[in-house]
N, C-alpha and C. Protein backbone atom coordinates (compact mmCIF):
# COMPACT_ATOMS: atom_id res chain seq x y z
N MET A 1 61.36 198.79 -81.33
CA MET A 1 62.43 199.36 -82.13
C MET A 1 63.72 199.44 -81.32
N LEU A 2 63.56 199.75 -80.03
CA LEU A 2 64.74 199.85 -79.17
C LEU A 2 65.44 198.49 -79.04
N THR A 3 64.65 197.42 -78.91
CA THR A 3 65.28 196.10 -78.78
C THR A 3 65.98 195.70 -80.08
N LEU A 4 65.39 196.05 -81.20
CA LEU A 4 66.02 195.75 -82.49
C LEU A 4 67.35 196.48 -82.63
N THR A 5 67.36 197.75 -82.26
CA THR A 5 68.59 198.55 -82.31
C THR A 5 69.64 197.99 -81.35
N ALA A 6 69.20 197.63 -80.15
CA ALA A 6 70.13 197.08 -79.16
C ALA A 6 70.72 195.75 -79.64
N MET A 7 69.90 194.92 -80.26
CA MET A 7 70.40 193.63 -80.74
C MET A 7 71.41 193.81 -81.86
N VAL A 8 71.11 194.68 -82.81
CA VAL A 8 72.03 194.93 -83.91
C VAL A 8 73.34 195.51 -83.38
N GLY A 9 73.24 196.48 -82.48
CA GLY A 9 74.44 197.06 -81.87
C GLY A 9 75.27 196.03 -81.12
N TRP A 10 74.58 195.17 -80.38
CA TRP A 10 75.28 194.12 -79.62
C TRP A 10 76.01 193.17 -80.57
N LEU A 11 75.34 192.76 -81.64
CA LEU A 11 75.98 191.86 -82.60
C LEU A 11 77.21 192.50 -83.24
N ILE A 12 77.12 193.77 -83.56
CA ILE A 12 78.26 194.47 -84.17
C ILE A 12 79.43 194.55 -83.20
N VAL A 13 79.16 194.89 -81.95
CA VAL A 13 80.23 195.06 -80.96
C VAL A 13 80.85 193.71 -80.59
N VAL A 14 80.03 192.73 -80.29
CA VAL A 14 80.54 191.44 -79.83
C VAL A 14 81.36 190.73 -80.90
N HIS A 15 80.92 190.85 -82.14
CA HIS A 15 81.62 190.14 -83.22
C HIS A 15 82.59 191.04 -83.98
N ASP A 16 82.84 192.22 -83.46
CA ASP A 16 83.81 193.16 -84.02
C ASP A 16 83.58 193.36 -85.52
N LEU A 17 82.34 193.76 -85.87
CA LEU A 17 81.97 193.93 -87.27
C LEU A 17 82.12 195.36 -87.77
N TRP A 18 82.47 196.28 -86.90
CA TRP A 18 82.58 197.68 -87.30
C TRP A 18 83.94 197.92 -87.94
N GLU A 19 83.94 198.43 -89.15
CA GLU A 19 85.17 198.69 -89.89
C GLU A 19 85.68 200.10 -89.60
N ARG A 20 86.97 200.23 -89.49
CA ARG A 20 87.61 201.53 -89.28
C ARG A 20 88.53 201.82 -90.47
N PRO A 21 88.56 203.06 -90.90
CA PRO A 21 89.46 203.38 -92.03
C PRO A 21 90.92 203.27 -91.58
N ALA A 22 91.54 202.18 -91.92
CA ALA A 22 92.95 201.96 -91.57
C ALA A 22 93.57 201.07 -92.64
N GLY A 23 94.87 201.16 -92.76
CA GLY A 23 95.56 200.33 -93.74
C GLY A 23 95.15 200.71 -95.15
N GLY A 24 94.67 199.75 -95.92
CA GLY A 24 94.27 199.99 -97.30
C GLY A 24 92.80 200.38 -97.44
N LEU A 25 92.08 200.52 -96.33
CA LEU A 25 90.65 200.82 -96.36
C LEU A 25 90.41 202.31 -96.24
N SER A 26 89.73 202.90 -97.22
CA SER A 26 89.46 204.34 -97.18
C SER A 26 88.24 204.60 -96.29
N GLY A 27 88.04 205.87 -95.96
CA GLY A 27 86.89 206.24 -95.14
C GLY A 27 85.57 205.95 -95.82
N ARG A 28 85.53 206.14 -97.14
CA ARG A 28 84.31 205.88 -97.89
C ARG A 28 83.97 204.38 -97.89
N GLN A 29 84.99 203.55 -98.06
CA GLN A 29 84.77 202.10 -98.03
C GLN A 29 84.31 201.65 -96.65
N ALA A 30 84.90 202.20 -95.62
CA ALA A 30 84.51 201.83 -94.25
C ALA A 30 83.05 202.19 -94.01
N ARG A 31 82.62 203.39 -94.43
CA ARG A 31 81.22 203.78 -94.27
C ARG A 31 80.30 202.86 -95.07
N LEU A 32 80.71 202.50 -96.27
CA LEU A 32 79.90 201.60 -97.10
C LEU A 32 79.77 200.23 -96.44
N PHE A 33 80.87 199.68 -95.95
CA PHE A 33 80.83 198.38 -95.28
C PHE A 33 79.99 198.44 -94.01
N ASN A 34 80.12 199.51 -93.23
CA ASN A 34 79.36 199.64 -91.99
C ASN A 34 77.87 199.80 -92.27
N THR A 35 77.52 200.55 -93.32
CA THR A 35 76.12 200.70 -93.69
C THR A 35 75.54 199.36 -94.11
N ALA A 36 76.28 198.62 -94.91
CA ALA A 36 75.82 197.29 -95.35
C ALA A 36 75.66 196.35 -94.16
N THR A 37 76.56 196.42 -93.21
CA THR A 37 76.48 195.57 -92.02
C THR A 37 75.24 195.89 -91.21
N VAL A 38 75.00 197.18 -90.95
CA VAL A 38 73.84 197.59 -90.16
C VAL A 38 72.54 197.20 -90.86
N LEU A 39 72.45 197.46 -92.16
CA LEU A 39 71.23 197.12 -92.89
C LEU A 39 71.00 195.61 -92.94
N THR A 40 72.03 194.84 -93.17
CA THR A 40 71.89 193.38 -93.24
C THR A 40 71.45 192.82 -91.90
N LEU A 41 72.10 193.24 -90.83
CA LEU A 41 71.72 192.74 -89.50
C LEU A 41 70.34 193.23 -89.10
N GLY A 42 69.99 194.46 -89.47
CA GLY A 42 68.68 195.00 -89.14
C GLY A 42 67.56 194.25 -89.84
N VAL A 43 67.72 194.00 -91.12
CA VAL A 43 66.71 193.25 -91.87
C VAL A 43 66.61 191.81 -91.35
N GLY A 44 67.74 191.20 -91.06
CA GLY A 44 67.73 189.84 -90.53
C GLY A 44 67.05 189.75 -89.18
N ALA A 45 67.36 190.67 -88.28
CA ALA A 45 66.73 190.67 -86.95
C ALA A 45 65.24 190.95 -87.06
N MET A 46 64.84 191.84 -87.97
CA MET A 46 63.43 192.14 -88.15
C MET A 46 62.69 190.91 -88.67
N CYS A 47 63.30 190.17 -89.57
CA CYS A 47 62.67 188.95 -90.08
C CYS A 47 62.47 187.93 -88.96
N PHE A 48 63.45 187.81 -88.08
CA PHE A 48 63.30 186.89 -86.96
C PHE A 48 62.20 187.33 -86.01
N TYR A 49 62.05 188.64 -85.78
CA TYR A 49 60.95 189.13 -84.93
C TYR A 49 59.59 188.84 -85.57
N VAL A 50 59.47 189.01 -86.87
CA VAL A 50 58.22 188.71 -87.57
C VAL A 50 57.91 187.21 -87.47
N ALA A 51 58.93 186.38 -87.66
CA ALA A 51 58.73 184.93 -87.55
C ALA A 51 58.32 184.54 -86.12
N LEU A 52 58.94 185.15 -85.12
CA LEU A 52 58.59 184.87 -83.73
C LEU A 52 57.15 185.29 -83.45
N PHE A 53 56.72 186.43 -83.97
CA PHE A 53 55.35 186.88 -83.79
C PHE A 53 54.38 185.89 -84.43
N ALA A 54 54.69 185.43 -85.64
CA ALA A 54 53.82 184.48 -86.33
C ALA A 54 53.73 183.16 -85.56
N LEU A 55 54.85 182.69 -85.04
CA LEU A 55 54.84 181.45 -84.25
C LEU A 55 54.02 181.62 -82.97
N ASN A 56 54.16 182.75 -82.31
CA ASN A 56 53.36 183.01 -81.10
C ASN A 56 51.88 183.09 -81.43
N LEU A 57 51.53 183.72 -82.52
CA LEU A 57 50.13 183.82 -82.93
C LEU A 57 49.56 182.44 -83.25
N GLY A 58 50.34 181.62 -83.92
CA GLY A 58 49.90 180.26 -84.22
C GLY A 58 49.75 179.42 -82.96
N ALA A 59 50.68 179.54 -82.03
CA ALA A 59 50.59 178.79 -80.78
C ALA A 59 49.39 179.24 -79.97
N GLU A 60 49.11 180.54 -79.98
CA GLU A 60 47.95 181.06 -79.24
C GLU A 60 46.65 180.50 -79.82
N ALA A 61 46.55 180.46 -81.13
CA ALA A 61 45.34 179.94 -81.76
C ALA A 61 45.16 178.45 -81.47
N PHE A 62 46.27 177.75 -81.33
CA PHE A 62 46.22 176.31 -81.09
C PHE A 62 45.98 175.98 -79.61
N LEU A 63 46.56 176.76 -78.70
CA LEU A 63 46.56 176.41 -77.29
C LEU A 63 45.44 177.05 -76.46
N LEU A 64 45.02 178.26 -76.82
CA LEU A 64 44.02 178.95 -76.00
C LEU A 64 42.61 178.64 -76.50
N ASP A 65 41.75 178.33 -75.56
CA ASP A 65 40.34 178.09 -75.87
C ASP A 65 39.57 179.40 -75.72
N ASN A 66 38.74 179.73 -76.69
CA ASN A 66 37.99 180.98 -76.63
C ASN A 66 37.09 181.06 -75.40
N GLY A 67 36.55 179.94 -74.96
CA GLY A 67 35.69 179.94 -73.78
C GLY A 67 36.42 180.38 -72.53
N VAL A 68 37.64 179.95 -72.36
CA VAL A 68 38.43 180.34 -71.20
C VAL A 68 38.72 181.83 -71.23
N VAL A 69 39.09 182.34 -72.39
CA VAL A 69 39.39 183.77 -72.51
C VAL A 69 38.13 184.60 -72.31
N GLU A 70 36.99 184.14 -72.85
CA GLU A 70 35.74 184.86 -72.65
C GLU A 70 35.36 184.93 -71.18
N ASP A 71 35.56 183.84 -70.43
CA ASP A 71 35.29 183.85 -68.99
C ASP A 71 36.20 184.83 -68.27
N ALA A 72 37.43 184.93 -68.70
CA ALA A 72 38.40 185.80 -68.03
C ALA A 72 38.11 187.28 -68.28
N VAL A 73 37.72 187.64 -69.50
CA VAL A 73 37.51 189.05 -69.81
C VAL A 73 36.06 189.48 -69.67
N GLY A 74 35.13 188.53 -69.64
CA GLY A 74 33.74 188.85 -69.39
C GLY A 74 32.92 189.23 -70.62
N HIS A 75 33.45 189.04 -71.81
CA HIS A 75 32.70 189.32 -73.03
C HIS A 75 33.23 188.44 -74.15
N PRO A 76 32.46 188.29 -75.23
CA PRO A 76 32.92 187.45 -76.35
C PRO A 76 34.23 187.98 -76.95
N VAL A 77 35.08 187.07 -77.35
CA VAL A 77 36.37 187.46 -77.91
C VAL A 77 36.47 187.03 -79.36
N GLY A 78 37.28 187.77 -80.09
CA GLY A 78 37.56 187.45 -81.48
C GLY A 78 39.05 187.40 -81.72
N PHE A 79 39.43 187.44 -82.98
CA PHE A 79 40.84 187.35 -83.36
C PHE A 79 41.66 188.53 -82.81
N ASP A 80 41.08 189.72 -82.79
CA ASP A 80 41.81 190.90 -82.38
C ASP A 80 42.10 190.95 -80.88
N GLU A 81 41.49 190.09 -80.11
CA GLU A 81 41.74 190.10 -78.67
C GLU A 81 42.61 188.94 -78.28
C-alpha cells in the first residue's frame, strides 16, 4: 500500500497534476478535480500491480520445476508455495 501511495504521489508531483483554487477555479472544483486525479491514478496503478502479479505467477508456473523446488524446501510443494 505504501508503494502504491508513493507512486500516485510521485506522479501527481512530477506531472504537476494538483489543482489549486486560483483564477476561475473555486475551492470546491479544485477538491473535486484532485479527488478524481487521486482515484484515477490509484485505480490505474492498482490495475498495473495486479497485472504484474499475474504475469509473475504465470512466469513462475512456466519456468520453475516442482522437483527443483521440492528439493530446495525438503517437502512436496503445491500451488500455494
